[in-house]
C-alpha atoms as a PDB file:
ATOM      1  CA  MET A   1     -19.895 -15.988 -30.708  1.00  0.00           C
ATOM      2  CA  ILE A   2     -17.689 -14.883 -27.822  1.00  0.00           C
ATOM      3  CA  ASP A   3     -18.182 -16.761 -24.567  1.00  0.00           C
ATOM      4  CA  LEU A   4     -18.646 -14.270 -21.722  1.00  0.00           C
ATOM      5  CA  ASP A   5     -17.308 -16.715 -19.127  1.00  0.00           C
ATOM      6  CA  ALA A   6     -14.069 -17.140 -21.077  1.00  0.00           C
ATOM      7  CA  VAL A   7     -13.618 -13.372 -21.363  1.00  0.00           C
ATOM      8  CA  LEU A   8     -14.201 -12.866 -17.616  1.00  0.00           C
ATOM      9  CA  ASP A   9     -11.821 -15.718 -16.772  1.00  0.00           C
ATOM     10  CA  GLY A  10      -9.184 -14.202 -19.062  1.00  0.00           C
ATOM     11  CA  ALA A  11      -9.627 -10.794 -17.453  1.00  0.00           C
ATOM     12  CA  ALA A  12      -9.341 -12.380 -14.001  1.00  0.00           C
ATOM     13  CA  LEU A  13      -6.144 -14.127 -15.068  1.00  0.00           C
ATOM     14  CA  VAL A  14      -4.609 -10.882 -16.303  1.00  0.00           C
ATOM     15  CA  LEU A  15      -5.658  -9.017 -13.132  1.00  0.00           C
ATOM     16  CA  ILE A  16      -4.164 -11.700 -10.877  1.00  0.00           C
ATOM     17  CA  LEU A  17      -0.927 -11.634 -12.860  1.00  0.00           C
ATOM     18  CA  ILE A  18      -0.634  -7.837 -12.679  1.00  0.00           C
ATOM     19  CA  GLY A  19      -1.594  -7.802  -8.983  1.00  0.00           C
ATOM     20  CA  ALA A  20       0.946 -10.498  -8.160  1.00  0.00           C
ATOM     21  CA  LEU A  21       3.661  -8.610 -10.046  1.00  0.00           C
ATOM     22  CA  LEU A  22       2.824  -5.428  -8.138  1.00  0.00           C
ATOM     23  CA  CYS A  23       3.012  -7.285  -4.815  1.00  0.00           C
ATOM     24  CA  LEU A  24       6.327  -8.814  -5.894  1.00  0.00           C
ATOM     25  CA  THR A  25       7.754  -5.410  -6.780  1.00  0.00           C
ATOM     26  CA  ALA A  26       6.615  -4.121  -3.380  1.00  0.00           C
ATOM     27  CA  ALA A  27       8.462  -6.953  -1.653  1.00  0.00           C
ATOM     28  CA  ILE A  28      11.592  -6.388  -3.729  1.00  0.00           C
ATOM     29  CA  GLY A  29      11.392  -2.657  -2.981  1.00  0.00           C
ATOM     30  CA  LEU A  30      11.259  -3.344   0.757  1.00  0.00           C
ATOM     31  CA  LEU A  31      14.432  -5.389   0.475  1.00  0.00           C
ATOM     32  CA  ARG A  32      16.369  -3.200  -1.954  1.00  0.00           C
ATOM     33  CA  PHE A  33      15.587   0.363  -0.916  1.00  0.00           C
ATOM     34  CA  ARG A  34      17.806   1.827   1.765  1.00  0.00           C
ATOM     35  CA  ASP A  35      15.914   4.634   3.468  1.00  0.00           C
ATOM     36  CA  VAL A  36      12.577   4.768   5.250  1.00  0.00           C
ATOM     37  CA  PRO A  37      10.582   7.012   2.848  1.00  0.00           C
ATOM     38  CA  THR A  38      11.325   4.881  -0.200  1.00  0.00           C
ATOM     39  CA  ARG A  39      10.596   1.685   1.717  1.00  0.00           C
ATOM     40  CA  LEU A  40       7.280   3.150   2.857  1.00  0.00           C
ATOM     41  CA  HIS A  41       6.451   3.991  -0.727  1.00  0.00           C
ATOM     42  CA  ALA A  42       7.233   0.421  -1.780  1.00  0.00           C
ATOM     43  CA  ALA A  43       5.259  -1.026   1.116  1.00  0.00           C
ATOM     44  CA  THR A  44       2.072   0.940   0.499  1.00  0.00           C
ATOM     45  CA  LYS A  45       1.463   1.994  -3.079  1.00  0.00           C
ATOM     46  CA  PRO A  46       2.135  -1.090  -5.242  1.00  0.00           C
ATOM     47  CA  GLN A  47       1.085  -3.510  -2.518  1.00  0.00           C
ATOM     48  CA  VAL A  48      -2.336  -1.925  -2.042  1.00  0.00           C
ATOM     49  CA  LEU A  49      -2.956  -1.676  -5.782  1.00  0.00           C
ATOM     50  CA  GLY A  50      -1.856  -5.304  -6.180  1.00  0.00           C
ATOM     51  CA  LEU A  51      -4.281  -6.424  -3.485  1.00  0.00           C
ATOM     52  CA  ILE A  52      -7.126  -4.480  -5.090  1.00  0.00           C
ATOM     53  CA  LEU A  53      -6.421  -6.055  -8.468  1.00  0.00           C
ATOM     54  CA  ILE A  54      -6.264  -9.547  -6.955  1.00  0.00           C
ATOM     55  CA  CYS A  55      -9.558  -8.990  -5.101  1.00  0.00           C
ATOM     56  CA  LEU A  56     -11.159  -7.733  -8.297  1.00  0.00           C
ATOM     57  CA  ALA A  57      -9.888 -10.828 -10.105  1.00  0.00           C
ATOM     58  CA  ILE A  58     -11.331 -13.095  -7.421  1.00  0.00           C
ATOM     59  CA  ALA A  59     -14.690 -11.354  -7.691  1.00  0.00           C
ATOM     60  CA  LEU A  60     -14.653 -11.723 -11.490  1.00  0.00           C
ATOM     61  CA  SER A  61     -13.594 -15.331 -11.324  1.00  0.00           C
ATOM     62  CA  LEU A  62     -16.100 -16.527  -8.733  1.00  0.00           C
ATOM     63  CA  ARG A  63     -19.008 -14.298  -9.868  1.00  0.00           C
ATOM     64  CA  SER A  64     -20.754 -14.437  -6.520  1.00  0.00           C
ATOM     65  CA  TRP A  65     -22.274 -11.559  -4.561  1.00  0.00           C
ATOM     66  CA  PRO A  66     -21.353 -13.052  -1.164  1.00  0.00           C
ATOM     67  CA  VAL A  67     -17.724 -13.137  -2.295  1.00  0.00           C
ATOM     68  CA  VAL A  68     -17.931  -9.500  -3.380  1.00  0.00           C
ATOM     69  CA  ALA A  69     -19.528  -8.633  -0.034  1.00  0.00           C
ATOM     70  CA  PHE A  70     -16.573 -10.307   1.677  1.00  0.00           C
ATOM     71  CA  LEU A  71     -13.905  -8.645  -0.505  1.00  0.00           C
ATOM     72  CA  VAL A  72     -15.210  -5.076  -0.219  1.00  0.00           C
ATOM     73  CA  PRO A  73     -14.392  -4.774   3.517  1.00  0.00           C
ATOM     74  CA  VAL A  74     -10.990  -6.373   2.885  1.00  0.00           C
ATOM     75  CA  VAL A  75     -10.147  -3.680   0.334  1.00  0.00           C
ATOM     76  CA  LEU A  76     -11.591  -0.872   2.481  1.00  0.00           C
ATOM     77  CA  ILE A  77      -9.644  -1.964   5.546  1.00  0.00           C
ATOM     78  CA  GLN A  78      -6.464  -2.153   3.477  1.00  0.00           C
ATOM     79  CA  LEU A  79      -7.107   1.319   2.065  1.00  0.00           C
ATOM     80  CA  ALA A  80      -7.631   2.653   5.593  1.00  0.00           C
ATOM     81  CA  THR A  81      -4.735   0.960   7.358  1.00  0.00           C
ATOM     82  CA  ALA A  82      -1.886   1.162   4.813  1.00  0.00           C
ATOM     83  CA  PRO A  83      -1.589   4.980   4.798  1.00  0.00           C
ATOM     84  CA  LEU A  84      -2.069   5.148   8.553  1.00  0.00           C
ATOM     85  CA  SER A  85       0.636   2.595   9.293  1.00  0.00           C
ATOM     86  CA  ALA A  86       3.002   4.237   6.786  1.00  0.00           C
ATOM     87  CA  HIS A  87       2.415   7.600   8.453  1.00  0.00           C
ATOM     88  CA  MET A  88       3.147   6.190  11.898  1.00  0.00           C
ATOM     89  CA  VAL A  89       6.311   4.401  10.742  1.00  0.00           C
ATOM     90  CA  GLY A  90       7.516   7.532   8.945  1.00  0.00           C
ATOM     91  CA  ARG A  91       6.816   9.732  11.934  1.00  0.00           C
ATOM     92  CA  GLN A  92       8.658   7.381  14.276  1.00  0.00           C
ATOM     93  CA  ALA A  93      11.603   7.205  11.872  1.00  0.00           C
ATOM     94  CA  TYR A  94      11.714  10.996  11.854  1.00  0.00           C
ATOM     95  CA  ARG A  95      11.680  11.129  15.635  1.00  0.00           C
ATOM     96  CA  ASN A  96      14.412   8.498  15.882  1.00  0.00           C
ATOM     97  CA  GLY A  97      16.558  10.444  13.455  1.00  0.00           C
ATOM     98  CA  THR A  98      16.801   7.617  10.915  1.00  0.00           C
ATOM     99  CA  ILE A  99      15.560   9.821   8.054  1.00  0.00           C
ATOM    100  CA  ASP A 100      18.209  11.797   6.198  1.00  0.00           C
ATOM    101  CA  GLU A 101      17.071  15.357   6.821  1.00  0.00           C
ATOM    102  CA  ARG A 102      19.030  16.673   3.824  1.00  0.00           C
ATOM    103  CA  SER A 103      16.731  14.654   1.529  1.00  0.00           C
ATOM    104  CA  LEU A 104      13.598  16.403   2.822  1.00  0.00           C
ATOM    105  CA  PHE A 105      12.304  19.249   0.662  1.00  0.00           C
ATOM    106  CA  VAL A 106      10.030  20.614   3.402  1.00  0.00           C
ATOM    107  CA  ASP A 107      10.475  19.814   7.065  1.00  0.00           C
ATOM    108  CA  GLU A 108       7.140  20.574   8.700  1.00  0.00           C
ATOM    109  CA  LEU A 109       8.151  18.913  11.960  1.00  0.00           C
ATOM    110  CA  ALA A 110      11.326  20.928  12.562  1.00  0.00           C
ATOM    111  CA  GLU A 111       9.617  23.020  15.260  1.00  0.00           C
ATOM    112  CA  SER A 112       8.497  19.930  17.144  1.00  0.00           C
ATOM    113  CA  ARG A 113      12.093  18.761  17.408  1.00  0.00           C
ATOM    114  CA  GLU A 114      13.122  21.991  19.092  1.00  0.00           C
ATOM    115  CA  THR A 115      10.258  21.979  21.590  1.00  0.00           C
ATOM    116  CA  PRO A 116       9.177  18.583  22.912  1.00  0.00           C
ATOM    117  CA  PRO A 117       5.394  18.009  22.670  1.00  0.00           C
ATOM    118  CA  ALA A 118       5.038  17.602  26.453  1.00  0.00           C
ATOM    119  CA  ALA A 119       6.854  20.880  27.191  1.00  0.00           C
ATOM    120  CA  GLY A 120       3.713  22.926  26.586  1.00  0.00           C
ATOM    121  CA  GLY A 121       5.368  25.338  24.202  1.00  0.00           C
END
């Protein structure tokens, strides 16, 4: 007969390993990538998925509802703040001129560069 605790512990181990590898690739991407959009991609997508997998592994490993109640807000806050912070960093990089404009397929903010936001136009 298969022991359910052993299966859940094995699943938690695999989830922690995959989550840690995703967080590691996010850190390597931040160091290796050269421009802001690719660094933002590395900082948000694999890192958030890695955190979710690690939180899921913790919930599976500890098997406690108070732990799950603690981890759900952690994941929700991460899901809310990662895209927002990436948007703000990307927007500031665009305003500073540190994004290569030739690499942009669509430049939706081109008009705002011509007319400053405080100019009223």
